[in-house]
PDB file of all heavy atoms in Angstrom:
ATOM      1  N   GLN A   1       0.200 -30.562   1.369  1.00  0.00           N
ATOM      2  CA  GLN A   1       0.764 -31.756   0.896  1.00  0.00           C
ATOM      3  C   GLN A   1       0.267 -32.910   2.013  1.00  0.00           C
ATOM      4  O   GLN A   1      -0.068 -32.653   3.160  1.00  0.00           O
ATOM      5  CB  GLN A   1       2.313 -31.776   1.016  1.00  0.00           C
ATOM      6  CG  GLN A   1       2.828 -31.054   0.004  1.00  0.00           C
ATOM      7  CD  GLN A   1       4.323 -31.023  -0.127  1.00  0.00           C
ATOM      8  OE1 GLN A   1       5.047 -31.426   0.843  1.00  0.00           O
ATOM      9  NE2 GLN A   1       4.921 -30.940  -1.308  1.00  0.00           N
ATOM     10  N   ARG A   2       0.176 -34.131   1.497  1.00  0.00           N
ATOM     11  CA  ARG A   2      -0.072 -35.360   2.359  1.00  0.00           C
ATOM     12  C   ARG A   2       1.032 -35.397   3.456  1.00  0.00           C
ATOM     13  O   ARG A   2       2.214 -35.287   3.124  1.00  0.00           O
ATOM     14  CB  ARG A   2      -0.203 -36.615   1.462  1.00  0.00           C
ATOM     15  CG  ARG A   2      -0.799 -37.766   2.303  1.00  0.00           C
ATOM     16  CD  ARG A   2      -1.041 -38.890   1.349  1.00  0.00           C
ATOM     17  NE  ARG A   2      -2.080 -38.523   0.358  1.00  0.00           N
ATOM     18  CZ  ARG A   2      -2.578 -39.509  -0.561  1.00  0.00           C
ATOM     19  NH1 ARG A   2      -2.127 -40.669  -0.326  1.00  0.00           N
ATOM     20  NH2 ARG A   2      -3.524 -39.130  -1.434  1.00  0.00           N
ATOM     21  N   GLU A   3       0.738 -35.666   4.686  1.00  0.00           N
ATOM     22  CA  GLU A   3       1.619 -35.793   5.695  1.00  0.00           C
ATOM     23  C   GLU A   3       1.382 -37.020   6.560  1.00  0.00           C
ATOM     24  O   GLU A   3       0.291 -37.494   6.735  1.00  0.00           O
ATOM     25  CB  GLU A   3       1.542 -34.600   6.671  1.00  0.00           C
ATOM     26  CG  GLU A   3       0.188 -34.338   7.209  1.00  0.00           C
ATOM     27  CD  GLU A   3       0.171 -33.102   8.271  1.00  0.00           C
ATOM     28  OE1 GLU A   3       1.092 -32.410   8.293  1.00  0.00           O
ATOM     29  OE2 GLU A   3      -0.741 -32.921   9.097  1.00  0.00           O
ATOM     30  N   LEU A   4       2.439 -37.569   7.201  1.00  0.00           N
ATOM     31  CA  LEU A   4       2.278 -38.700   8.011  1.00  0.00           C
ATOM     32  C   LEU A   4       1.500 -38.325   9.395  1.00  0.00           C
ATOM     33  O   LEU A   4       1.666 -37.148   9.925  1.00  0.00           O
ATOM     34  CB  LEU A   4       3.645 -39.099   8.582  1.00  0.00           C
ATOM     35  CG  LEU A   4       3.873 -40.058   9.718  1.00  0.00           C
ATOM     36  CD1 LEU A   4       3.524 -41.548   9.238  1.00  0.00           C
ATOM     37  CD2 LEU A   4       5.144 -40.065  10.378  1.00  0.00           C
ATOM     38  N   VAL A   5       0.615 -39.314   9.721  1.00  0.00           N
ATOM     39  CA  VAL A   5      -0.038 -39.206  10.942  1.00  0.00           C
ATOM     40  C   VAL A   5       0.607 -40.050  12.060  1.00  0.00           C
ATOM     41  O   VAL A   5       1.023 -39.747  13.075  1.00  0.00           O
ATOM     42  CB  VAL A   5      -1.569 -39.349  10.751  1.00  0.00           C
ATOM     43  CG1 VAL A   5      -2.248 -39.255  12.198  1.00  0.00           C
ATOM     44  CG2 VAL A   5      -2.178 -38.329   9.951  1.00  0.00           C
ATOM     45  N   ALA A   6       0.359 -41.393  11.734  1.00  0.00           N
ATOM     46  CA  ALA A   6       0.978 -42.527  12.525  1.00  0.00           C
ATOM     47  C   ALA A   6       1.137 -43.654  11.701  1.00  0.00           C
ATOM     48  O   ALA A   6       0.362 -43.952  10.727  1.00  0.00           O
ATOM     49  CB  ALA A   6       0.091 -42.742  13.692  1.00  0.00           C
ATOM     50  N   THR A   7       2.173 -44.497  12.072  1.00  0.00           N
ATOM     51  CA  THR A   7       2.341 -45.805  11.439  1.00  0.00           C
ATOM     52  C   THR A   7       2.752 -46.795  12.557  1.00  0.00           C
ATOM     53  O   THR A   7       3.280 -46.483  13.570  1.00  0.00           O
ATOM     54  CB  THR A   7       3.609 -45.719  10.351  1.00  0.00           C
ATOM     55  OG1 THR A   7       4.794 -45.360  11.080  1.00  0.00           O
ATOM     56  CG2 THR A   7       3.184 -44.852   9.251  1.00  0.00           C
ATOM     57  N   ILE A   8       2.545 -48.074  12.273  1.00  0.00           N
ATOM     58  CA  ILE A   8       2.746 -49.167  13.037  1.00  0.00           C
ATOM     59  C   ILE A   8       3.243 -50.370  12.219  1.00  0.00           C
ATOM     60  O   ILE A   8       2.634 -50.669  11.141  1.00  0.00           O
ATOM     61  CB  ILE A   8       1.561 -49.516  13.895  1.00  0.00           C
ATOM     62  CG1 ILE A   8       1.964 -50.702  14.990  1.00  0.00           C
ATOM     63  CG2 ILE A   8       0.365 -50.020  13.074  1.00  0.00           C
ATOM     64  CD1 ILE A   8       0.763 -50.841  16.016  1.00  0.00           C
ATOM     65  N   SER A   9       4.256 -51.124  12.606  1.00  0.00           N
ATOM     66  CA  SER A   9       4.691 -52.137  12.018  1.00  0.00           C
ATOM     67  C   SER A   9       4.310 -53.468  12.626  1.00  0.00           C
ATOM     68  O   SER A   9       3.925 -53.545  13.822  1.00  0.00           O
ATOM     69  CB  SER A   9       6.373 -52.138  11.833  1.00  0.00           C
ATOM     70  OG  SER A   9       6.966 -52.388  13.043  1.00  0.00           O
ATOM     71  N   THR A  10       4.656 -54.619  11.904  1.00  0.00           N
ATOM     72  CA  THR A  10       4.329 -55.913  12.461  1.00  0.00           C
ATOM     73  C   THR A  10       5.175 -56.156  13.593  1.00  0.00           C
ATOM     74  O   THR A  10       4.991 -57.037  14.519  1.00  0.00           O
ATOM     75  CB  THR A  10       4.515 -57.019  11.396  1.00  0.00           C
ATOM     76  OG1 THR A  10       5.658 -56.793  10.607  1.00  0.00           O
ATOM     77  CG2 THR A  10       3.189 -56.983  10.351  1.00  0.00           C
ATOM     78  N   ALA A  11       6.399 -55.468  13.822  1.00  0.00           N
ATOM     79  CA  ALA A  11       7.183 -55.593  14.954  1.00  0.00           C
ATOM     80  C   ALA A  11       6.910 -54.665  15.981  1.00  0.00           C
ATOM     81  O   ALA A  11       7.587 -54.481  16.972  1.00  0.00           O
ATOM     82  CB  ALA A  11       8.629 -55.351  14.487  1.00  0.00           C
ATOM     83  N   ASP A  12       5.700 -53.995  15.851  1.00  0.00           N
ATOM     84  CA  ASP A  12       5.140 -52.973  16.819  1.00  0.00           C
ATOM     85  C   ASP A  12       6.011 -51.708  16.929  1.00  0.00           C
ATOM     86  O   ASP A  12       6.008 -51.053  18.028  1.00  0.00           O
ATOM     87  CB  ASP A  12       4.843 -53.732  18.218  1.00  0.00           C
ATOM     88  CG  ASP A  12       3.734 -54.528  18.276  1.00  0.00           C
ATOM     89  OD1 ASP A  12       2.811 -54.220  17.470  1.00  0.00           O
ATOM     90  OD2 ASP A  12       3.670 -55.466  19.046  1.00  0.00           O
ATOM     91  N   SER A  13       6.785 -51.402  15.922  1.00  0.00           N
ATOM     92  CA  SER A  13       7.426 -50.009  15.910  1.00  0.00           C
ATOM     93  C   SER A  13       6.454 -48.976  15.523  1.00  0.00           C
ATOM     94  O   SER A  13       5.815 -49.120  14.523  1.00  0.00           O
ATOM     95  CB  SER A  13       8.598 -50.135  14.917  1.00  0.00           C
ATOM     96  OG  SER A  13       9.204 -48.857  14.876  1.00  0.00           O
ATOM     97  N   ILE A  14       6.254 -47.924  16.323  1.00  0.00           N
ATOM     98  CA  ILE A  14       5.178 -46.945  16.185  1.00  0.00           C
ATOM     99  C   ILE A  14       5.884 -45.561  15.887  1.00  0.00           C
ATOM    100  O   ILE A  14       6.791 -45.273  16.562  1.00  0.00           O
ATOM    101  CB  ILE A  14       4.294 -46.916  17.246  1.00  0.00           C
ATOM    102  CG1 ILE A  14       3.538 -48.271  17.353  1.00  0.00           C
ATOM    103  CG2 ILE A  14       3.339 -45.754  17.214  1.00  0.00           C
ATOM    104  CD1 ILE A  14       2.617 -48.362  18.542  1.00  0.00           C
ATOM    105  N   LYS A  15       5.355 -44.910  14.956  1.00  0.00           N
ATOM    106  CA  LYS A  15       5.737 -43.523  14.875  1.00  0.00           C
ATOM    107  C   LYS A  15       4.412 -42.614  14.864  1.00  0.00           C
ATOM    108  O   LYS A  15       3.509 -43.038  14.365  1.00  0.00           O
ATOM    109  CB  LYS A  15       6.377 -43.284  13.454  1.00  0.00           C
ATOM    110  CG  LYS A  15       7.825 -43.797  13.241  1.00  0.00           C
ATOM    111  CD  LYS A  15       8.241 -43.528  11.876  1.00  0.00           C
ATOM    112  CE  LYS A  15       9.697 -43.907  11.659  1.00  0.00           C
ATOM    113  NZ  LYS A  15      10.207 -43.644  10.396  1.00  0.00           N
ATOM    114  N   TYR A  16       4.612 -41.356  15.381  1.00  0.00           N
ATOM    115  CA  TYR A  16       3.550 -40.361  15.308  1.00  0.00           C
ATOM    116  C   TYR A  16       4.101 -39.077  14.942  1.00  0.00           C
ATOM    117  O   TYR A  16       5.297 -38.740  15.145  1.00  0.00           O
ATOM    118  CB  TYR A  16       3.084 -40.145  16.813  1.00  0.00           C
ATOM    119  CG  TYR A  16       2.167 -41.284  17.383  1.00  0.00           C
ATOM    120  CD1 TYR A  16       2.751 -42.108  18.344  1.00  0.00           C
ATOM    121  CD2 TYR A  16       0.993 -41.566  16.917  1.00  0.00           C
ATOM    122  CE1 TYR A  16       2.011 -43.086  18.872  1.00  0.00           C
ATOM    123  CE2 TYR A  16       0.213 -42.540  17.590  1.00  0.00           C
ATOM    124  CZ  TYR A  16       0.681 -43.375  18.580  1.00  0.00           C
ATOM    125  OH  TYR A  16      -0.006 -44.405  19.091  1.00  0.00           O
ATOM    126  N   ALA A  17       3.243 -38.398  14.197  1.00  0.00           N
ATOM    127  CA  ALA A  17       3.625 -36.884  13.883  1.00  0.00           C
ATOM    128  C   ALA A  17       3.645 -36.178  15.177  1.00  0.00           C
ATOM    129  O   ALA A  17       2.674 -36.473  16.142  1.00  0.00           O
ATOM    130  CB  ALA A  17       2.573 -36.280  12.900  1.00  0.00           C
ATOM    131  N   ASP A  18       4.531 -35.198  15.366  1.00  0.00           N
ATOM    132  CA  ASP A  18       4.458 -34.366  16.629  1.00  0.00           C
ATOM    133  C   ASP A  18       3.174 -33.690  16.836  1.00  0.00           C
ATOM    134  O   ASP A  18       2.759 -33.549  17.911  1.00  0.00           O
ATOM    135  CB  ASP A  18       5.483 -33.289  16.399  1.00  0.00           C
ATOM    136  CG  ASP A  18       6.924 -33.874  16.354  1.00  0.00           C
ATOM    137  OD1 ASP A  18       7.085 -34.985  16.843  1.00  0.00           O
ATOM    138  OD2 ASP A  18       7.904 -33.044  15.950  1.00  0.00           O
ATOM    139  N   SER A  19       2.438 -33.329  15.744  1.00  0.00           N
ATOM    140  CA  SER A  19       1.172 -32.691  15.939  1.00  0.00           C
ATOM    141  C   SER A  19       0.089 -33.436  16.533  1.00  0.00           C
ATOM    142  O   SER A  19      -0.939 -32.949  17.155  1.00  0.00           O
ATOM    143  CB  SER A  19       0.666 -32.161  14.632  1.00  0.00           C
ATOM    144  OG  SER A  19       0.512 -33.194  13.659  1.00  0.00           O
ATOM    145  N   VAL A  20       0.261 -34.846  16.514  1.00  0.00           N
ATOM    146  CA  VAL A  20      -0.801 -35.788  17.149  1.00  0.00           C
ATOM    147  C   VAL A  20      -0.428 -36.509  18.245  1.00  0.00           C
ATOM    148  O   VAL A  20      -1.103 -37.187  18.830  1.00  0.00           O
ATOM    149  CB  VAL A  20      -1.328 -36.776  16.018  1.00  0.00           C
ATOM    150  CG1 VAL A  20      -1.725 -35.937  14.762  1.00  0.00           C
ATOM    151  CG2 VAL A  20      -0.368 -37.794  15.708  1.00  0.00           C
ATOM    152  N   GLN A  21       0.865 -36.381  18.452  1.00  0.00           N
ATOM    153  CA  GLN A  21       1.489 -37.153  19.784  1.00  0.00           C
ATOM    154  C   GLN A  21       0.686 -36.787  21.056  1.00  0.00           C
ATOM    155  O   GLN A  21       0.215 -35.627  21.246  1.00  0.00           O
ATOM    156  CB  GLN A  21       2.988 -36.769  19.913  1.00  0.00           C
ATOM    157  CG  GLN A  21       3.674 -37.563  21.013  1.00  0.00           C
ATOM    158  CD  GLN A  21       4.069 -38.863  20.629  1.00  0.00           C
ATOM    159  OE1 GLN A  21       4.570 -39.125  19.586  1.00  0.00           O
ATOM    160  NE2 GLN A  21       3.829 -39.920  21.480  1.00  0.00           N
ATOM    161  N   GLY A  22       0.324 -37.918  21.754  1.00  0.00           N
ATOM    162  CA  GLY A  22      -0.491 -37.721  22.938  1.00  0.00           C
ATOM    163  C   GLY A  22      -1.911 -37.669  22.770  1.00  0.00           C
ATOM    164  O   GLY A  22      -2.671 -37.624  23.821  1.00  0.00           O
ATOM    165  N   ARG A  23      -2.468 -37.459  21.573  1.00  0.00           N
ATOM    166  CA  ARG A  23      -3.818 -37.288  21.173  1.00  0.00           C
ATOM    167  C   ARG A  23      -4.340 -38.457  20.513  1.00  0.00           C
ATOM    168  O   ARG A  23      -5.517 -38.928  20.673  1.00  0.00           O
ATOM    169  CB  ARG A  23      -4.043 -36.058  20.589  1.00  0.00           C
ATOM    170  CG  ARG A  23      -3.832 -34.697  21.302  1.00  0.00           C
ATOM    171  CD  ARG A  23      -4.219 -33.508  20.518  1.00  0.00           C
ATOM    172  NE  ARG A  23      -3.752 -33.315  19.207  1.00  0.00           N
ATOM    173  CZ  ARG A  23      -4.365 -33.254  18.119  1.00  0.00           C
ATOM    174  NH1 ARG A  23      -5.845 -33.339  18.141  1.00  0.00           N
ATOM    175  NH2 ARG A  23      -3.771 -33.034  16.964  1.00  0.00           N
ATOM    176  N   PHE A  24      -3.494 -38.972  19.610  1.00  0.00           N
ATOM    177  CA  PHE A  24      -3.905 -40.083  18.733  1.00  0.00           C
ATOM    178  C   PHE A  24      -3.218 -41.401  19.124  1.00  0.00           C
ATOM    179  O   PHE A  24      -2.062 -41.323  19.605  1.00  0.00           O
ATOM    180  CB  PHE A  24      -3.529 -39.810  17.334  1.00  0.00           C
ATOM    181  CG  PHE A  24      -4.398 -38.714  16.586  1.00  0.00           C
ATOM    182  CD1 PHE A  24      -5.243 -37.820  17.370  1.00  0.00           C
ATOM    183  CD2 PHE A  24      -4.303 -38.483  15.300  1.00  0.00           C
ATOM    184  CE1 PHE A  24      -5.995 -36.766  16.711  1.00  0.00           C
ATOM    185  CE2 PHE A  24      -4.938 -37.473  14.656  1.00  0.00           C
ATOM    186  CZ  PHE A  24      -5.769 -36.738  15.320  1.00  0.00           C
ATOM    187  N   THR A  25      -3.910 -42.506  18.968  1.00  0.00           N
ATOM    188  CA  THR A  25      -3.242 -43.745  19.312  1.00  0.00           C
ATOM    189  C   THR A  25      -3.455 -44.725  18.213  1.00  0.00           C
ATOM    190  O   THR A  25      -4.604 -44.884  17.748  1.00  0.00           O
ATOM    191  CB  THR A  25      -3.803 -44.294  20.544  1.00  0.00           C
ATOM    192  OG1 THR A  25      -3.615 -43.412  21.716  1.00  0.00           O
ATOM    193  CG2 THR A  25      -3.083 -45.760  20.809  1.00  0.00           C
ATOM    194  N   ILE A  26      -2.348 -45.282  17.531  1.00  0.00           N
ATOM    195  CA  ILE A  26      -2.545 -46.293  16.534  1.00  0.00           C
ATOM    196  C   ILE A  26      -2.360 -47.664  17.144  1.00  0.00           C
ATOM    197  O   ILE A  26      -1.545 -47.852  18.087  1.00  0.00           O
ATOM    198  CB  ILE A  26      -1.491 -46.097  15.469  1.00  0.00           C
ATOM    199  CG1 ILE A  26      -1.796 -46.879  14.144  1.00  0.00           C
ATOM    200  CG2 ILE A  26      -0.077 -46.272  15.789  1.00  0.00           C
ATOM    201  CD1 ILE A  26      -1.029 -46.495  12.948  1.00  0.00           C
ATOM    202  N   SER A  27      -3.028 -48.609  16.653  1.00  0.00           N
ATOM    203  CA  SER A  27      -3.082 -50.061  17.076  1.00  0.00           C
ATOM    204  C   SER A  27      -3.430 -50.828  15.998  1.00  0.00           C
ATOM    205  O   SER A  27      -3.899 -50.407  14.907  1.00  0.00           O
ATOM    206  CB  SER A  27      -3.954 -50.349  18.291  1.00  0.00           C
ATOM    207  OG  SER A  27      -5.355 -49.895  17.892  1.00  0.00           O
ATOM    208  N   ARG A  28      -3.196 -52.218  16.101  1.00  0.00           N
ATOM    209  CA  ARG A  28      -3.468 -53.133  15.149  1.00  0.00           C
ATOM    210  C   ARG A  28      -3.975 -54.447  15.558  1.00  0.00           C
ATOM    211  O   ARG A  28      -3.626 -54.759  16.786  1.00  0.00           O
ATOM    212  CB  ARG A  28      -2.125 -53.396  14.199  1.00  0.00           C
ATOM    213  CG  ARG A  28      -1.037 -54.024  14.891  1.00  0.00           C
ATOM    214  CD  ARG A  28       0.258 -53.987  14.129  1.00  0.00           C
ATOM    215  NE  ARG A  28       1.379 -54.639  14.889  1.00  0.00           N
ATOM    216  CZ  ARG A  28       1.480 -55.956  14.861  1.00  0.00           C
ATOM    217  NH1 ARG A  28       0.919 -56.694  14.197  1.00  0.00           N
ATOM    218  NH2 ARG A  28       2.608 -56.332  15.542  1.00  0.00           N
ATOM    219  N   ALA A  29      -4.741 -55.103  14.792  1.00  0.00           N
ATOM    220  CA  ALA A  29      -5.252 -56.421  15.085  1.00  0.00           C
ATOM    221  C   ALA A  29      -4.568 -57.300  13.943  1.00  0.00           C
ATOM    222  O   ALA A  29      -5.061 -57.362  12.921  1.00  0.00           O
ATOM    223  CB  ALA A  29      -6.770 -56.598  15.012  1.00  0.00           C
ATOM    224  N   ASN A  30      -3.494 -58.143  14.381  1.00  0.00           N
ATOM    225  CA  ASN A  30      -2.735 -58.819  13.411  1.00  0.00           C
ATOM    226  C   ASN A  30      -3.567 -59.885  12.627  1.00  0.00           C
ATOM    227  O   ASN A  30      -3.516 -60.008  11.507  1.00  0.00           O
ATOM    228  CB  ASN A  30      -1.639 -59.613  14.084  1.00  0.00           C
ATOM    229  CG  ASN A  30      -0.447 -58.800  14.261  1.00  0.00           C
ATOM    230  OD1 ASN A  30      -0.455 -57.633  13.704  1.00  0.00           O
ATOM    231  ND2 ASN A  30       0.609 -59.219  14.838  1.00  0.00           N
TER     232      ASN A  30
END
Protein backbone atom coordinates (compact mmCIF):
# COMPACT_ATOMS: atom_id res chain seq x y z
CA GLN A 1 0.00 0.00 0.00
CA ARG A 2 0.99 3.62 -0.42
CA GLU A 3 2.56 4.91 2.78
CA LEU A 4 3.57 8.22 4.29
CA VAL A 5 7.22 9.20 3.99
CA ALA A 6 7.25 12.81 5.19
CA THR A 7 5.05 15.91 5.19
CA ILE A 8 5.59 19.59 5.92
CA SER A 9 3.04 22.34 6.42
CA THR A 10 3.16 26.05 5.78
CA ALA A 11 3.41 26.36 9.56
CA ASP A 12 6.55 24.20 9.42
CA SER A 13 4.95 21.24 11.14
CA ILE A 14 6.87 18.15 9.98
CA LYS A 15 6.08 14.45 10.14
CA TYR A 16 8.30 11.51 9.23
CA ALA A 17 7.64 7.82 8.95
CA ASP A 18 9.57 5.90 11.59
CA SER A 19 11.39 4.01 8.83
CA VAL A 20 12.99 7.18 7.42
CA GLN A 21 13.48 9.24 10.59
CA GLY A 22 17.10 10.38 10.83
CA ARG A 23 17.87 9.51 7.20
CA PHE A 24 15.44 11.69 5.22
CA THR A 25 14.91 15.44 5.52
CA ILE A 26 11.94 17.32 4.12
CA SER A 27 12.14 21.05 3.47
CA ARG A 28 10.31 23.67 1.47
CA ALA A 29 10.81 26.89 -0.45
CA ASN A 30 7.68 28.95 0.18
